[in-house]
């Protein structure tokens, strides 16, 4: 049996025991302990499991019978283990539902959805008017984000192919990841570039292909403190201004970022929106479909059309 499954069975047994469980009862009743093994082997395994539970913060209590000092039993202090009741108002559940939308298009959408379902199961239904008309999005590039997040957890170095914004140069990088930061509607990896021997920021949308871990786990040690803002300020950016024609009452997020007032063009409003990453903005604009037409620059227009053609092909249309 997998050790994690054995530990879970042990927690369930100790939590639901009427009073306590002795070692002999645990060995006989909890799945995962080999009843045919020697007592010494069971003792070693059980001692490791006790240490693991306590490291996880589970309050494992040792009880000794008053009349027999060698009669030792174990239980979990449910008062210290169980969470207090969660009392949320309908408005608070509505705000949490809105917050969960941040991850609806990202690799963390599954955990966010499951967590929200559990909260709704123990609380009231969300208040419909609390967040009416509000929509949040925090986009995370799926492949690069998940791989980099895994490397951060493992404290492993990563290698990937990166397209520089300033020169367009594409080359392989080896980076010790320190932190993931979301800024200006984009995700950045901040870490130590081994080739340049200095901290650098890498925009995830400029990573091409797969992100792979390299070397052993646990070798990366981020500094206790560093100025992420300074590292991000040194990241080269693509500077540009998009001219967009929007249908009325569409593209509220684009209108909020516009640097020039709307000007009419037939049945559309023309906006100028500054950007610093062509591919990232193209991803966003493609999601608006016919509601947004890119008038310029041509490189942005082609990037959007490329995505729309790919989507049409996936949908079975030519």
C-alpha atoms as a PDB file:
ATOM      1  CA  UNK A   1       0.000   0.000   0.000  1.00  0.00           C
ATOM      2  CA  UNK A   2       1.110   3.548  -0.727  1.00  0.00           C
ATOM      3  CA  UNK A   3       2.398   5.218   2.491  1.00  0.00           C
ATOM      4  CA  UNK A   4       0.040   8.171   2.020  1.00  0.00           C
ATOM      5  CA  UNK A   5      -2.941   5.811   1.838  1.00  0.00           C
ATOM      6  CA  UNK A   6      -1.800   3.997   4.983  1.00  0.00           C
ATOM      7  CA  UNK A   7      -1.454   7.304   6.832  1.00  0.00           C
ATOM      8  CA  UNK A   8      -4.936   8.355   5.738  1.00  0.00           C
ATOM      9  CA  UNK A   9      -6.393   5.054   6.988  1.00  0.00           C
ATOM     10  CA  UNK A  10      -4.552   5.550  10.275  1.00  0.00           C
ATOM     11  CA  UNK A  11      -5.951   9.062  10.708  1.00  0.00           C
ATOM     12  CA  UNK A  12      -9.489   7.858   9.957  1.00  0.00           C
ATOM     13  CA  UNK A  13      -9.191   4.982  12.434  1.00  0.00           C
ATOM     14  CA  UNK A  14      -7.802   7.143  15.237  1.00  0.00           C
ATOM     15  CA  UNK A  15     -10.323   9.886  14.620  1.00  0.00           C
ATOM     16  CA  UNK A  16     -13.329   7.545  14.766  1.00  0.00           C
ATOM     17  CA  UNK A  17     -12.118   5.376  17.662  1.00  0.00           C
ATOM     18  CA  UNK A  18     -14.455   5.630  20.651  1.00  0.00           C
ATOM     19  CA  UNK A  19     -11.590   6.157  23.113  1.00  0.00           C
ATOM     20  CA  UNK A  20      -8.148   5.117  21.898  1.00  0.00           C
ATOM     21  CA  UNK A  21      -6.373   2.375  19.962  1.00  0.00           C
ATOM     22  CA  UNK A  22      -3.496   0.241  21.174  1.00  0.00           C
ATOM     23  CA  UNK A  23      -0.648  -0.813  18.910  1.00  0.00           C
ATOM     24  CA  UNK A  24      -2.071  -4.319  18.607  1.00  0.00           C
ATOM     25  CA  UNK A  25      -5.447  -2.887  17.528  1.00  0.00           C
ATOM     26  CA  UNK A  26      -3.806  -0.581  15.015  1.00  0.00           C
ATOM     27  CA  UNK A  27      -1.779  -3.432  13.537  1.00  0.00           C
ATOM     28  CA  UNK A  28      -4.863  -5.643  13.257  1.00  0.00           C
ATOM     29  CA  UNK A  29      -7.398  -3.092  12.013  1.00  0.00           C
ATOM     30  CA  UNK A  30      -5.582  -0.432   9.944  1.00  0.00           C
ATOM     31  CA  UNK A  31      -4.867  -1.273   6.317  1.00  0.00           C
ATOM     32  CA  UNK A  32      -1.240  -1.049   5.294  1.00  0.00           C
ATOM     33  CA  UNK A  33       0.389  -2.699   8.271  1.00  0.00           C
ATOM     34  CA  UNK A  34       1.669  -6.162   7.393  1.00  0.00           C
ATOM     35  CA  UNK A  35       0.241  -8.533   9.978  1.00  0.00           C
ATOM     36  CA  UNK A  36       2.692 -11.242   8.918  1.00  0.00           C
ATOM     37  CA  UNK A  37       5.783  -9.098   9.490  1.00  0.00           C
ATOM     38  CA  UNK A  38       7.844  -9.152  12.651  1.00  0.00           C
ATOM     39  CA  UNK A  39       6.897  -6.989  15.646  1.00  0.00           C
ATOM     40  CA  UNK A  40      10.139  -5.066  15.162  1.00  0.00           C
ATOM     41  CA  UNK A  41       9.228  -4.177  11.559  1.00  0.00           C
ATOM     42  CA  UNK A  42       5.794  -2.977  12.664  1.00  0.00           C
ATOM     43  CA  UNK A  43       7.355  -0.885  15.442  1.00  0.00           C
ATOM     44  CA  UNK A  44       9.700   0.853  12.999  1.00  0.00           C
ATOM     45  CA  UNK A  45       6.915   1.582  10.524  1.00  0.00           C
ATOM     46  CA  UNK A  46       4.513   2.816  13.190  1.00  0.00           C
ATOM     47  CA  UNK A  47       7.140   5.097  14.761  1.00  0.00           C
ATOM     48  CA  UNK A  48       7.812   6.664  11.353  1.00  0.00           C
ATOM     49  CA  UNK A  49       4.087   7.158  10.795  1.00  0.00           C
ATOM     50  CA  UNK A  50       3.671   8.819  14.210  1.00  0.00           C
ATOM     51  CA  UNK A  51       6.488  11.247  13.434  1.00  0.00           C
ATOM     52  CA  UNK A  52       5.008  12.040  10.020  1.00  0.00           C
ATOM     53  CA  UNK A  53       1.547  12.776  11.449  1.00  0.00           C
ATOM     54  CA  UNK A  54       2.976  15.120  14.037  1.00  0.00           C
ATOM     55  CA  UNK A  55       5.107  16.882  11.405  1.00  0.00           C
ATOM     56  CA  UNK A  56       1.893  17.432   9.422  1.00  0.00           C
ATOM     57  CA  UNK A  57       0.344  19.126  12.438  1.00  0.00           C
ATOM     58  CA  UNK A  58      -2.059  16.321  13.334  1.00  0.00           C
ATOM     59  CA  UNK A  59      -2.418  16.235  17.156  1.00  0.00           C
ATOM     60  CA  UNK A  60      -1.608  12.595  17.934  1.00  0.00           C
ATOM     61  CA  UNK A  61      -2.065  11.952  21.662  1.00  0.00           C
ATOM     62  CA  UNK A  62      -0.526   9.088  23.661  1.00  0.00           C
ATOM     63  CA  UNK A  63      -2.739   7.727  26.452  1.00  0.00           C
ATOM     64  CA  UNK A  64      -1.488   5.456  29.229  1.00  0.00           C
ATOM     65  CA  UNK A  65      -3.870   3.462  31.399  1.00  0.00           C
ATOM     66  CA  UNK A  66      -3.806   4.546  35.041  1.00  0.00           C
ATOM     67  CA  UNK A  67      -3.566   0.988  36.337  1.00  0.00           C
ATOM     68  CA  UNK A  68      -1.123  -0.333  33.757  1.00  0.00           C
ATOM     69  CA  UNK A  69       1.712   1.939  32.678  1.00  0.00           C
ATOM     70  CA  UNK A  70       2.598  -0.390  29.805  1.00  0.00           C
ATOM     71  CA  UNK A  71      -0.962  -0.241  28.398  1.00  0.00           C
ATOM     72  CA  UNK A  72      -0.371   2.501  25.836  1.00  0.00           C
ATOM     73  CA  UNK A  73      -2.999   3.725  23.391  1.00  0.00           C
ATOM     74  CA  UNK A  74      -3.240   6.423  20.753  1.00  0.00           C
ATOM     75  CA  UNK A  75      -5.929   8.843  19.630  1.00  0.00           C
ATOM     76  CA  UNK A  76      -6.263  12.087  17.707  1.00  0.00           C
ATOM     77  CA  UNK A  77      -7.350  15.137  19.665  1.00  0.00           C
ATOM     78  CA  UNK A  78     -10.378  16.079  17.545  1.00  0.00           C
ATOM     79  CA  UNK A  79     -10.754  19.430  19.308  1.00  0.00           C
ATOM     80  CA  UNK A  80      -7.316  20.414  18.077  1.00  0.00           C
ATOM     81  CA  UNK A  81      -7.683  18.728  14.678  1.00  0.00           C
ATOM     82  CA  UNK A  82     -11.092  19.821  13.431  1.00  0.00           C
ATOM     83  CA  UNK A  83     -11.560  23.245  11.889  1.00  0.00           C
ATOM     84  CA  UNK A  84     -14.020  25.612  13.521  1.00  0.00           C
ATOM     85  CA  UNK A  85     -17.409  26.015  11.807  1.00  0.00           C
ATOM     86  CA  UNK A  86     -17.292  28.105   8.643  1.00  0.00           C
ATOM     87  CA  UNK A  87     -19.992  30.740   8.794  1.00  0.00           C
ATOM     88  CA  UNK A  88     -20.089  32.738   5.571  1.00  0.00           C
ATOM     89  CA  UNK A  89     -22.744  35.211   4.525  1.00  0.00           C
ATOM     90  CA  UNK A  90     -24.285  34.915   1.039  1.00  0.00           C
ATOM     91  CA  UNK A  91     -22.342  38.032   0.008  1.00  0.00           C
ATOM     92  CA  UNK A  92     -19.050  36.497   1.179  1.00  0.00           C
ATOM     93  CA  UNK A  93     -19.711  33.313  -0.792  1.00  0.00           C
ATOM     94  CA  UNK A  94     -20.415  35.498  -3.808  1.00  0.00           C
ATOM     95  CA  UNK A  95     -17.074  37.276  -3.433  1.00  0.00           C
ATOM     96  CA  UNK A  96     -15.254  33.920  -3.145  1.00  0.00           C
ATOM     97  CA  UNK A  97     -17.055  32.723  -6.289  1.00  0.00           C
ATOM     98  CA  UNK A  98     -15.822  35.829  -8.063  1.00  0.00           C
ATOM     99  CA  UNK A  99     -12.275  35.248  -6.807  1.00  0.00           C
ATOM    100  CA  UNK A 100     -12.365  31.649  -8.102  1.00  0.00           C
ATOM    101  CA  UNK A 101     -12.946  33.027 -11.604  1.00  0.00           C
ATOM    102  CA  UNK A 102      -9.360  34.292 -11.559  1.00  0.00           C
ATOM    103  CA  UNK A 103      -8.230  30.716 -12.181  1.00  0.00           C
ATOM    104  CA  UNK A 104     -10.990  29.594 -14.549  1.00  0.00           C
ATOM    105  CA  UNK A 105      -8.667  29.688 -17.564  1.00  0.00           C
ATOM    106  CA  UNK A 106      -5.548  28.430 -15.781  1.00  0.00           C
ATOM    107  CA  UNK A 107      -3.978  25.194 -14.652  1.00  0.00           C
ATOM    108  CA  UNK A 108      -5.306  25.758 -11.110  1.00  0.00           C
ATOM    109  CA  UNK A 109      -8.948  25.837 -12.238  1.00  0.00           C
ATOM    110  CA  UNK A 110      -9.577  22.323 -10.857  1.00  0.00           C
ATOM    111  CA  UNK A 111      -8.408  23.000  -7.273  1.00  0.00           C
ATOM    112  CA  UNK A 112     -10.181  26.383  -7.247  1.00  0.00           C
ATOM    113  CA  UNK A 113     -13.447  24.793  -8.376  1.00  0.00           C
ATOM    114  CA  UNK A 114     -13.212  21.966  -5.833  1.00  0.00           C
ATOM    115  CA  UNK A 115     -12.466  24.382  -3.002  1.00  0.00           C
ATOM    116  CA  UNK A 116     -15.427  26.558  -3.917  1.00  0.00           C
ATOM    117  CA  UNK A 117     -17.711  23.512  -4.078  1.00  0.00           C
ATOM    118  CA  UNK A 118     -16.702  22.520  -0.540  1.00  0.00           C
ATOM    119  CA  UNK A 119     -17.372  26.022   0.766  1.00  0.00           C
ATOM    120  CA  UNK A 120     -20.786  26.109  -0.852  1.00  0.00           C
ATOM    121  CA  UNK A 121     -21.597  22.730   0.662  1.00  0.00           C
ATOM    122  CA  UNK A 122     -21.253  24.080   4.212  1.00  0.00           C
ATOM    123  CA  UNK A 123     -22.518  27.610   3.621  1.00  0.00           C
ATOM    124  CA  UNK A 124     -25.376  29.536   2.059  1.00  0.00           C
ATOM    125  CA  UNK A 125     -25.905  30.087  -1.638  1.00  0.00           C
ATOM    126  CA  UNK A 126     -24.104  33.139  -3.055  1.00  0.00           C
ATOM    127  CA  UNK A 127     -25.978  36.408  -3.160  1.00  0.00           C
ATOM    128  CA  UNK A 128     -26.822  37.030  -6.850  1.00  0.00           C
ATOM    129  CA  UNK A 129     -26.557  40.820  -6.676  1.00  0.00           C
ATOM    130  CA  UNK A 130     -23.313  40.946  -4.672  1.00  0.00           C
ATOM    131  CA  UNK A 131     -21.064  40.617  -7.733  1.00  0.00           C
ATOM    132  CA  UNK A 132     -23.499  41.305 -10.566  1.00  0.00           C
ATOM    133  CA  UNK A 133     -21.764  42.559 -13.685  1.00  0.00           C
ATOM    134  CA  UNK A 134     -18.267  41.742 -12.433  1.00  0.00           C
ATOM    135  CA  UNK A 135     -15.951  39.270 -14.123  1.00  0.00           C
ATOM    136  CA  UNK A 136     -12.334  38.564 -13.186  1.00  0.00           C
ATOM    137  CA  UNK A 137      -9.676  36.813 -15.197  1.00  0.00           C
ATOM    138  CA  UNK A 138      -6.059  36.050 -14.314  1.00  0.00           C
ATOM    139  CA  UNK A 139      -4.609  34.151 -17.218  1.00  0.00           C
ATOM    140  CA  UNK A 140      -1.809  31.642 -16.631  1.00  0.00           C
ATOM    141  CA  UNK A 141      -0.047  30.142 -19.661  1.00  0.00           C
ATOM    142  CA  UNK A 142      -0.867  26.502 -19.102  1.00  0.00           C
ATOM    143  CA  UNK A 143       2.232  24.518 -20.017  1.00  0.00           C
ATOM    144  CA  UNK A 144       4.931  26.912 -18.813  1.00  0.00           C
ATOM    145  CA  UNK A 145       3.084  27.938 -15.647  1.00  0.00           C
ATOM    146  CA  UNK A 146       2.470  24.409 -14.393  1.00  0.00           C
ATOM    147  CA  UNK A 147       5.998  23.218 -15.153  1.00  0.00           C
ATOM    148  CA  UNK A 148       7.644  26.227 -13.512  1.00  0.00           C
ATOM    149  CA  UNK A 149       5.370  25.943 -10.484  1.00  0.00           C
ATOM    150  CA  UNK A 150       6.391  22.300 -10.120  1.00  0.00           C
ATOM    151  CA  UNK A 151      10.071  23.229 -10.291  1.00  0.00           C
ATOM    152  CA  UNK A 152       9.567  25.903  -7.634  1.00  0.00           C
ATOM    153  CA  UNK A 153       7.962  23.319  -5.367  1.00  0.00           C
ATOM    154  CA  UNK A 154      10.793  20.840  -5.966  1.00  0.00           C
ATOM    155  CA  UNK A 155      13.432  23.573  -5.719  1.00  0.00           C
ATOM    156  CA  UNK A 156      14.906  22.358  -9.018  1.00  0.00           C
ATOM    157  CA  UNK A 157      16.620  24.307 -11.780  1.00  0.00           C
ATOM    158  CA  UNK A 158      14.825  24.518 -15.133  1.00  0.00           C
ATOM    159  CA  UNK A 159      15.916  24.716 -18.730  1.00  0.00           C
ATOM    160  CA  UNK A 160      13.848  26.177 -21.569  1.00  0.00           C
ATOM    161  CA  UNK A 161      14.066  27.972 -24.901  1.00  0.00           C
ATOM    162  CA  UNK A 162      13.381  31.691 -24.589  1.00  0.00           C
ATOM    163  CA  UNK A 163      12.651  34.424 -27.136  1.00  0.00           C
ATOM    164  CA  UNK A 164      14.111  37.758 -26.030  1.00  0.00           C
ATOM    165  CA  UNK A 165      11.778  40.736 -26.440  1.00  0.00           C
ATOM    166  CA  UNK A 166      14.469  43.274 -27.299  1.00  0.00           C
ATOM    167  CA  UNK A 167      16.355  41.333 -29.997  1.00  0.00           C
ATOM    168  CA  UNK A 168      14.062  38.437 -30.897  1.00  0.00           C
ATOM    169  CA  UNK A 169      16.987  36.095 -30.210  1.00  0.00           C
ATOM    170  CA  UNK A 170      15.943  32.550 -29.318  1.00  0.00           C
ATOM    171  CA  UNK A 171      18.307  30.609 -27.093  1.00  0.00           C
ATOM    172  CA  UNK A 172      18.384  27.983 -24.362  1.00  0.00           C
ATOM    173  CA  UNK A 173      18.372  29.205 -20.754  1.00  0.00           C
ATOM    174  CA  UNK A 174      19.176  27.453 -17.467  1.00  0.00           C
ATOM    175  CA  UNK A 175      17.492  29.186 -14.534  1.00  0.00           C
ATOM    176  CA  UNK A 176      17.216  28.606 -10.798  1.00  0.00           C
ATOM    177  CA  UNK A 177      13.574  29.612 -10.117  1.00  0.00           C
ATOM    178  CA  UNK A 178      12.915  31.914  -7.174  1.00  0.00           C
ATOM    179  CA  UNK A 179       9.393  33.249  -7.627  1.00  0.00           C
ATOM    180  CA  UNK A 180       6.401  33.528  -9.980  1.00  0.00           C
ATOM    181  CA  UNK A 181       4.985  37.047 -10.252  1.00  0.00           C
ATOM    182  CA  UNK A 182       1.927  38.391 -12.062  1.00  0.00           C
ATOM    183  CA  UNK A 183       2.372  41.933 -13.328  1.00  0.00           C
ATOM    184  CA  UNK A 184       0.810  43.937 -16.126  1.00  0.00           C
ATOM    185  CA  UNK A 185      -1.539  41.055 -16.995  1.00  0.00           C
ATOM    186  CA  UNK A 186       1.381  38.651 -17.502  1.00  0.00           C
ATOM    187  CA  UNK A 187       3.274  35.986 -15.542  1.00  0.00           C
ATOM    188  CA  UNK A 188       7.011  36.309 -14.971  1.00  0.00           C
ATOM    189  CA  UNK A 189       9.538  33.835 -13.622  1.00  0.00           C
ATOM    190  CA  UNK A 190      12.144  35.524 -11.451  1.00  0.00           C
ATOM    191  CA  UNK A 191      15.278  33.499 -10.917  1.00  0.00           C
ATOM    192  CA  UNK A 192      19.041  33.194 -11.248  1.00  0.00           C
ATOM    193  CA  UNK A 193      20.267  32.900 -14.831  1.00  0.00           C
ATOM    194  CA  UNK A 194      23.280  30.570 -14.642  1.00  0.00           C
ATOM    195  CA  UNK A 195      24.732  31.706 -17.968  1.00  0.00           C
ATOM    196  CA  UNK A 196      24.609  35.401 -17.073  1.00  0.00           C
ATOM    197  CA  UNK A 197      25.315  34.704 -13.381  1.00  0.00           C
ATOM    198  CA  UNK A 198      22.706  37.266 -12.327  1.00  0.00           C
ATOM    199  CA  UNK A 199      19.015  37.510 -11.391  1.00  0.00           C
ATOM    200  CA  UNK A 200      16.691  37.832 -14.384  1.00  0.00           C
ATOM    201  CA  UNK A 201      12.968  37.966 -15.121  1.00  0.00           C
ATOM    202  CA  UNK A 202      11.455  35.806 -17.876  1.00  0.00           C
ATOM    203  CA  UNK A 203       7.982  36.353 -19.262  1.00  0.00           C
ATOM    204  CA  UNK A 204       6.268  32.964 -19.524  1.00  0.00           C
ATOM    205  CA  UNK A 205       4.565  33.838 -22.815  1.00  0.00           C
ATOM    206  CA  UNK A 206       8.019  34.108 -24.439  1.00  0.00           C
ATOM    207  CA  UNK A 207       9.021  30.584 -23.457  1.00  0.00           C
ATOM    208  CA  UNK A 208       8.940  28.316 -26.500  1.00  0.00           C
ATOM    209  CA  UNK A 209       8.417  24.587 -26.139  1.00  0.00           C
ATOM    210  CA  UNK A 210       8.579  22.636 -22.897  1.00  0.00           C
ATOM    211  CA  UNK A 211      10.077  23.634 -19.568  1.00  0.00           C
ATOM    212  CA  UNK A 212      12.220  20.813 -18.168  1.00  0.00           C
ATOM    213  CA  UNK A 213      13.776  20.357 -14.752  1.00  0.00           C
ATOM    214  CA  UNK A 214      17.513  19.782 -14.660  1.00  0.00           C
ATOM    215  CA  UNK A 215      19.701  18.455 -11.883  1.00  0.00           C
ATOM    216  CA  UNK A 216      18.620  17.185  -8.494  1.00  0.00           C
ATOM    217  CA  UNK A 217      15.636  18.394  -6.483  1.00  0.00           C
ATOM    218  CA  UNK A 218      16.190  20.558  -3.430  1.00  0.00           C
ATOM    219  CA  UNK A 219      19.327  22.277  -4.751  1.00  0.00           C
ATOM    220  CA  UNK A 220      17.819  25.699  -5.467  1.00  0.00           C
ATOM    221  CA  UNK A 221      17.908  28.066  -2.499  1.00  0.00           C
ATOM    222  CA  UNK A 222      16.205  31.412  -3.205  1.00  0.00           C
ATOM    223  CA  UNK A 223      17.688  34.323  -1.277  1.00  0.00           C
ATOM    224  CA  UNK A 224      15.812  35.251   1.865  1.00  0.00           C
ATOM    225  CA  UNK A 225      15.098  38.689   0.447  1.00  0.00           C
ATOM    226  CA  UNK A 226      15.493  40.302  -2.945  1.00  0.00           C
ATOM    227  CA  UNK A 227      13.874  43.184  -4.790  1.00  0.00           C
ATOM    228  CA  UNK A 228      11.532  41.558  -7.310  1.00  0.00           C
ATOM    229  CA  UNK A 229      10.521  44.986  -8.614  1.00  0.00           C
ATOM    230  CA  UNK A 230      14.085  45.837  -9.572  1.00  0.00           C
ATOM    231  CA  UNK A 231      14.513  42.534 -11.416  1.00  0.00           C
ATOM    232  CA  UNK A 232      11.224  43.035 -13.254  1.00  0.00           C
ATOM    233  CA  UNK A 233      12.155  46.595 -14.176  1.00  0.00           C
ATOM    234  CA  UNK A 234      15.195  45.251 -15.983  1.00  0.00           C
ATOM    235  CA  UNK A 235      13.151  42.842 -18.115  1.00  0.00           C
ATOM    236  CA  UNK A 236      13.086  43.918 -21.750  1.00  0.00           C
ATOM    237  CA  UNK A 237       9.628  44.606 -23.094  1.00  0.00           C
ATOM    238  CA  UNK A 238       8.066  44.914 -26.520  1.00  0.00           C
ATOM    239  CA  UNK A 239       6.653  48.416 -26.742  1.00  0.00           C
ATOM    240  CA  UNK A 240       3.755  49.022 -29.073  1.00  0.00           C
ATOM    241  CA  UNK A 241       0.307  50.512 -29.485  1.00  0.00           C
ATOM    242  CA  UNK A 242      -2.552  48.529 -30.968  1.00  0.00           C
ATOM    243  CA  UNK A 243      -5.318  50.208 -32.989  1.00  0.00           C
ATOM    244  CA  UNK A 244      -8.498  48.277 -32.380  1.00  0.00           C
ATOM    245  CA  UNK A 245     -12.043  48.624 -33.708  1.00  0.00           C
ATOM    246  CA  UNK A 246     -14.571  47.417 -31.115  1.00  0.00           C
ATOM    247  CA  UNK A 247     -18.285  46.841 -31.286  1.00  0.00           C
ATOM    248  CA  UNK A 248     -20.223  49.145 -28.935  1.00  0.00           C
ATOM    249  CA  UNK A 249     -20.406  47.951 -25.323  1.00  0.00           C
ATOM    250  CA  UNK A 250     -17.804  45.234 -25.908  1.00  0.00           C
ATOM    251  CA  UNK A 251     -14.234  44.875 -24.668  1.00  0.00           C
ATOM    252  CA  UNK A 252     -14.541  46.689 -21.338  1.00  0.00           C
ATOM    253  CA  UNK A 253     -11.068  45.539 -20.249  1.00  0.00           C
ATOM    254  CA  UNK A 254      -9.525  46.918 -23.455  1.00  0.00           C
ATOM    255  CA  UNK A 255     -11.375  50.219 -23.112  1.00  0.00           C
ATOM    256  CA  UNK A 256     -10.065  50.586 -19.555  1.00  0.00           C
ATOM    257  CA  UNK A 257      -6.465  50.343 -20.839  1.00  0.00           C
ATOM    258  CA  UNK A 258      -6.933  52.600 -23.861  1.00  0.00           C
ATOM    259  CA  UNK A 259      -4.512  55.516 -24.105  1.00  0.00           C
ATOM    260  CA  UNK A 260      -6.666  57.505 -26.526  1.00  0.00           C
ATOM    261  CA  UNK A 261     -10.406  58.308 -26.448  1.00  0.00           C
ATOM    262  CA  UNK A 262     -12.762  56.325 -28.612  1.00  0.00           C
ATOM    263  CA  UNK A 263     -13.321  57.559 -32.157  1.00  0.00           C
ATOM    264  CA  UNK A 264     -16.218  56.269 -34.288  1.00  0.00           C
ATOM    265  CA  UNK A 265     -15.588  54.180 -37.419  1.00  0.00           C
ATOM    266  CA  UNK A 266     -18.817  53.027 -39.050  1.00  0.00           C
ATOM    267  CA  UNK A 267     -20.510  50.940 -36.327  1.00  0.00           C
ATOM    268  CA  UNK A 268     -17.364  50.517 -34.207  1.00  0.00           C
ATOM    269  CA  UNK A 269     -15.240  52.475 -31.747  1.00  0.00           C
ATOM    270  CA  UNK A 270     -11.528  52.808 -32.511  1.00  0.00           C
ATOM    271  CA  UNK A 271      -9.163  52.610 -29.548  1.00  0.00           C
ATOM    272  CA  UNK A 272      -5.413  52.810 -29.082  1.00  0.00           C
ATOM    273  CA  UNK A 273      -4.207  50.281 -26.493  1.00  0.00           C
ATOM    274  CA  UNK A 274      -0.527  50.103 -25.437  1.00  0.00           C
ATOM    275  CA  UNK A 275       1.023  46.664 -25.018  1.00  0.00           C
ATOM    276  CA  UNK A 276       4.380  45.085 -24.270  1.00  0.00           C
ATOM    277  CA  UNK A 277       3.923  41.537 -25.602  1.00  0.00           C
ATOM    278  CA  UNK A 278       2.486  40.812 -29.039  1.00  0.00           C
ATOM    279  CA  UNK A 279       1.704  37.150 -28.423  1.00  0.00           C
ATOM    280  CA  UNK A 280       0.025  37.774 -25.062  1.00  0.00           C
ATOM    281  CA  UNK A 281      -2.212  40.514 -26.477  1.00  0.00           C
ATOM    282  CA  UNK A 282      -3.022  38.329 -29.482  1.00  0.00           C
ATOM    283  CA  UNK A 283      -4.217  35.588 -27.137  1.00  0.00           C
ATOM    284  CA  UNK A 284      -6.508  38.092 -25.417  1.00  0.00           C
ATOM    285  CA  UNK A 285      -7.860  39.642 -28.608  1.00  0.00           C
ATOM    286  CA  UNK A 286      -8.591  36.295 -30.245  1.00  0.00           C
ATOM    287  CA  UNK A 287     -10.968  35.564 -27.366  1.00  0.00           C
ATOM    288  CA  UNK A 288     -13.171  38.488 -28.420  1.00  0.00           C
ATOM    289  CA  UNK A 289     -13.692  36.956 -31.898  1.00  0.00           C
ATOM    290  CA  UNK A 290     -15.707  39.268 -34.174  1.00  0.00           C
ATOM    291  CA  UNK A 291     -16.182  41.894 -31.439  1.00  0.00           C
ATOM    292  CA  UNK A 292     -12.643  43.233 -32.036  1.00  0.00           C
ATOM    293  CA  UNK A 293     -10.888  43.966 -35.329  1.00  0.00           C
ATOM    294  CA  UNK A 294      -7.160  44.704 -35.272  1.00  0.00           C
ATOM    295  CA  UNK A 295      -6.302  47.667 -37.497  1.00  0.00           C
ATOM    296  CA  UNK A 296      -2.616  47.661 -36.638  1.00  0.00           C
ATOM    297  CA  UNK A 297       0.207  46.965 -36.311  1.00  0.00           C
ATOM    298  CA  UNK A 298       0.366  44.224 -38.923  1.00  0.00           C
ATOM    299  CA  UNK A 299       2.394  41.851 -36.721  1.00  0.00           C
ATOM    300  CA  UNK A 300      -0.366  41.894 -34.098  1.00  0.00           C
ATOM    301  CA  UNK A 301      -3.083  41.462 -36.719  1.00  0.00           C
ATOM    302  CA  UNK A 302      -1.312  38.415 -38.161  1.00  0.00           C
ATOM    303  CA  UNK A 303      -0.841  36.904 -34.704  1.00  0.00           C
ATOM    304  CA  UNK A 304      -4.587  37.208 -33.996  1.00  0.00           C
ATOM    305  CA  UNK A 305      -5.547  35.819 -37.410  1.00  0.00           C
ATOM    306  CA  UNK A 306      -3.221  32.865 -36.887  1.00  0.00           C
ATOM    307  CA  UNK A 307      -5.054  31.964 -33.682  1.00  0.00           C
ATOM    308  CA  UNK A 308      -8.493  32.385 -35.228  1.00  0.00           C
ATOM    309  CA  UNK A 309      -7.567  30.191 -38.202  1.00  0.00           C
ATOM    310  CA  UNK A 310      -6.272  27.516 -35.827  1.00  0.00           C
ATOM    311  CA  UNK A 311      -9.523  27.671 -33.830  1.00  0.00           C
ATOM    312  CA  UNK A 312     -11.580  27.391 -37.030  1.00  0.00           C
ATOM    313  CA  UNK A 313      -9.574  24.313 -38.052  1.00  0.00           C
ATOM    314  CA  UNK A 314     -10.178  22.672 -34.684  1.00  0.00           C
ATOM    315  CA  UNK A 315     -13.873  23.352 -35.074  1.00  0.00           C
ATOM    316  CA  UNK A 316     -13.978  21.542 -38.409  1.00  0.00           C
ATOM    317  CA  UNK A 317     -14.279  24.679 -40.507  1.00  0.00           C
ATOM    318  CA  UNK A 318     -11.930  25.673 -43.298  1.00  0.00           C
END
